[in-house]
Amino acid sequence: MTIPSGTVSSPNFTTTDSAQGLDATECLPQLPVVTLACTPTALVDSPSNQAVCTITSDTAAPSGGLSVALTLPAASGRYSTDCTDPITIAAASTTATCTIVATPNTVAGDGSVNAIMSLTTPSATSPYTLGTPASATITVNDDDRAGAVSAVPTLSSWALSLLGLVLAGSAGFNRRRP
């Protein structure tokens, strides 16, 4: 395929001084590559524990922004999120952020729960390519410990009888002193 020099002029196209012999894919617009990462990936169910999730495009978003489709974490009483579907990378920006916040509790033994979020296939009106990583898992761990059961020391009936005799003898000894 031969494309006359100078006929392709757009910042979204690959151009050369001589476009002869180019593959047609080199003339197509370059779609942004979008990735997702959350940090930290492990939280505990205590106050002020949150993960910041960053959606990143390898190129600046066009005017009007870049709308990125997400699969949001399932609803849970163990965390909340301000992430929305879709999330928009603002015009001329390369990132958008949202948070997943652990819900504080004092329930011992309620285990760990995962909040899983992922990028989804783009729509025709918001073209981008899924990069790697395209998903993130945040684990909310239980930091509450069940009260340790400790044995209460007990004495056998013989030991209690002996202890009673010692105490009675001691009391009698102290009474006899003038």
Protein backbone atom coordinates (compact mmCIF):
# COMPACT_ATOMS: atom_id res chain seq x y z
CA MET A 1 0.00 0.00 0.00
CA THR A 2 1.39 3.41 -0.89
CA ILE A 3 0.28 6.58 0.87
CA PRO A 4 1.52 9.83 -0.64
CA SER A 5 3.78 11.78 1.70
CA GLY A 6 2.07 14.53 3.71
CA THR A 7 -1.48 13.18 3.42
CA VAL A 8 -1.68 11.93 7.02
CA SER A 9 -1.60 14.73 9.57
CA SER A 10 -3.02 14.07 13.02
CA PRO A 11 -1.36 13.71 16.42
CA ASN A 12 -3.06 10.30 16.72
CA PHE A 13 -1.47 8.94 13.54
CA THR A 14 2.02 7.69 12.79
CA THR A 15 3.52 9.76 9.98
CA THR A 16 6.83 9.64 8.12
CA ASP A 17 8.41 11.79 5.46
CA SER A 18 7.82 9.03 2.98
CA ALA A 19 4.81 6.90 3.72
CA GLN A 20 5.47 4.47 0.89
CA GLY A 21 5.42 0.83 1.91
CA LEU A 22 3.75 1.38 5.30
CA ASP A 23 1.57 -1.25 6.85
CA ALA A 24 -2.01 0.01 7.12
CA THR A 25 -1.98 -0.51 10.93
CA GLU A 26 0.70 2.17 11.21
CA CYS A 27 -1.83 4.67 9.90
CA LEU A 28 -4.51 3.85 12.46
CA PRO A 29 -4.94 5.97 15.59
CA GLN A 30 -2.87 4.78 18.55
CA LEU A 31 -5.25 3.91 21.39
CA PRO A 32 -4.21 4.72 24.95
CA VAL A 33 -3.19 1.76 27.11
CA VAL A 34 -4.94 1.82 30.49
CA THR A 35 -3.82 0.02 33.66
CA LEU A 36 -5.10 -0.33 37.23
CA ALA A 37 -3.09 -0.56 40.46
CA CYS A 38 -4.11 -0.27 44.12
CA THR A 39 -1.79 0.36 47.05
CA PRO A 40 -1.55 -1.03 49.59
CA THR A 41 -3.04 -4.39 48.69
CA ALA A 42 -3.69 -5.43 52.32
CA LEU A 43 -5.73 -3.53 54.93
CA VAL A 44 -6.95 -4.32 58.45
CA ASP A 45 -10.43 -3.61 59.78
CA SER A 46 -9.30 -0.64 61.89
CA PRO A 47 -9.80 3.13 61.49
CA SER A 48 -7.85 4.99 58.77
CA ASN A 49 -7.05 1.94 56.64
CA GLN A 50 -7.51 2.64 52.94
CA ALA A 51 -6.13 1.64 49.57
CA VAL A 52 -5.76 4.17 46.76
CA CYS A 53 -6.58 2.76 43.33
CA THR A 54 -5.00 4.52 40.37
CA ILE A 55 -6.22 4.14 36.79
CA THR A 56 -3.38 5.18 34.48
CA SER A 57 -3.35 5.92 30.75
CA ASP A 58 -0.06 5.93 28.85
CA THR A 59 -1.18 9.08 27.04
CA ALA A 60 -3.00 12.20 28.18
CA ALA A 61 -6.78 12.03 27.99
CA PRO A 62 -8.41 13.96 25.13
CA SER A 63 -10.62 17.01 25.68
CA GLY A 64 -13.73 15.78 27.46
CA GLY A 65 -11.67 13.16 29.30
CA LEU A 66 -11.29 9.43 28.89
CA SER A 67 -14.11 7.32 30.32
CA VAL A 68 -12.79 4.00 31.66
CA ALA A 69 -15.20 1.16 32.49
CA LEU A 70 -14.65 -0.70 35.77
CA THR A 71 -16.02 -3.77 37.46
CA LEU A 72 -16.42 -2.52 41.03
CA PRO A 73 -15.85 -4.60 44.16
CA ALA A 74 -18.89 -6.47 45.46
CA ALA A 75 -20.76 -4.71 48.27
CA SER A 76 -19.51 -5.66 51.71
CA GLY A 77 -19.95 -4.50 55.27
CA ARG A 78 -16.18 -4.88 55.69
CA TYR A 79 -15.21 -2.04 53.32
CA SER A 80 -16.61 0.88 51.33
CA THR A 81 -15.49 2.50 48.09
CA ASP A 82 -15.85 5.81 46.30
CA CYS A 83 -14.91 4.20 42.96
CA THR A 84 -17.47 4.68 40.20
CA ASP A 85 -18.21 2.96 36.92
CA PRO A 86 -17.17 4.49 34.66
CA ILE A 87 -14.35 6.56 36.11
CA THR A 88 -13.11 9.49 34.05
CA ILE A 89 -9.50 10.48 33.50
CA ALA A 90 -9.76 14.28 33.18
CA ALA A 91 -8.73 16.00 29.95
CA ALA A 92 -4.94 16.35 29.60
CA SER A 93 -4.43 14.02 32.61
CA THR A 94 -3.04 10.52 32.66
CA THR A 95 -4.55 9.28 35.95
CA ALA A 96 -7.74 9.05 37.95
CA THR A 97 -7.93 7.75 41.53
CA CYS A 98 -10.49 6.33 43.92
CA THR A 99 -10.29 4.61 47.31
CA ILE A 100 -11.34 1.45 49.09
CA VAL A 101 -11.68 1.99 52.85
CA ALA A 102 -11.75 -0.77 55.47
CA THR A 103 -14.71 -0.56 57.85
CA PRO A 104 -13.49 -0.58 61.47
CA ASN A 105 -14.96 -3.32 63.65
CA THR A 106 -14.15 -5.26 66.78
CA VAL A 107 -15.67 -8.59 65.79
CA ALA A 108 -13.10 -11.27 66.46
CA GLY A 109 -12.87 -14.14 64.03
CA ASP A 110 -14.75 -12.55 61.13
CA GLY A 111 -11.90 -13.53 58.81
CA SER A 112 -10.52 -11.78 55.76
CA VAL A 113 -12.43 -10.51 52.74
CA ASN A 114 -11.24 -9.51 49.25
CA ALA A 115 -12.28 -6.38 47.37
CA ILE A 116 -11.65 -7.11 43.68
CA MET A 117 -11.78 -4.38 41.05
CA SER A 118 -10.93 -4.61 37.37
CA LEU A 119 -10.91 -2.67 34.13
CA THR A 120 -13.49 -3.87 31.63
CA THR A 121 -13.51 -3.98 27.88
CA PRO A 122 -13.91 -0.45 26.52
CA SER A 123 -17.03 0.70 24.74
CA ALA A 124 -17.00 1.96 21.18
CA THR A 125 -17.41 5.55 22.43
CA SER A 126 -14.43 5.37 24.77
CA PRO A 127 -11.69 3.50 22.95
CA TYR A 128 -8.63 2.37 24.89
CA THR A 129 -6.63 -0.81 25.23
CA LEU A 130 -6.43 -2.85 28.43
CA GLY A 131 -2.90 -2.94 29.79
CA THR A 132 -1.33 -4.99 32.55
CA PRO A 133 -2.29 -5.02 35.35
CA ALA A 134 -5.97 -4.70 34.56
CA SER A 135 -7.25 -5.81 37.97
CA ALA A 136 -6.42 -5.40 41.65
CA THR A 137 -7.29 -7.32 44.80
CA ILE A 138 -7.32 -5.61 48.18
CA THR A 139 -7.55 -7.94 51.17
CA VAL A 140 -9.21 -6.62 54.33
CA ASN A 141 -7.80 -8.70 57.18
CA ASP A 142 -9.36 -9.28 60.57
CA ASP A 143 -7.12 -7.70 63.23
CA ASP A 144 -9.34 -8.57 66.19
CA ARG A 145 -8.24 -11.46 68.35
CA ALA A 146 -10.63 -13.66 70.27
CA GLY A 147 -9.95 -13.48 73.99
CA ALA A 148 -7.60 -16.26 74.93
CA VAL A 149 -9.24 -18.76 77.21
CA SER A 150 -6.99 -19.45 80.16
CA ALA A 151 -7.62 -22.11 82.73
CA VAL A 152 -8.53 -20.96 86.23
CA PRO A 153 -6.29 -22.74 88.69
CA THR A 154 -8.20 -25.09 90.97
CA LEU A 155 -7.26 -27.24 93.93
CA SER A 156 -8.31 -30.77 94.58
CA SER A 157 -10.45 -31.50 97.64
CA TRP A 158 -7.40 -32.77 99.57
CA ALA A 159 -5.43 -29.63 98.75
CA LEU A 160 -8.35 -27.45 99.85
CA SER A 161 -8.59 -29.36 103.17
CA LEU A 162 -4.87 -28.96 103.75
CA LEU A 163 -5.01 -25.25 102.91
CA GLY A 164 -7.91 -24.86 105.36
CA LEU A 165 -5.93 -26.56 108.16
CA VAL A 166 -2.88 -24.38 107.49
CA LEU A 167 -4.96 -21.21 107.60
CA ALA A 168 -6.82 -22.30 110.76
CA GLY A 169 -3.54 -23.22 112.46
CA SER A 170 -2.00 -19.92 111.50
CA ALA A 171 -4.98 -18.00 112.83
CA GLY A 172 -4.89 -19.97 116.08
CA PHE A 173 -1.16 -19.35 116.45
CA ASN A 174 -1.64 -15.61 115.95
CA ARG A 175 -4.47 -15.53 118.59
CA ARG A 176 -2.38 -17.14 121.30
CA ARG A 177 0.26 -14.47 121.22
CA PRO A 178 -0.21 -11.85 123.88
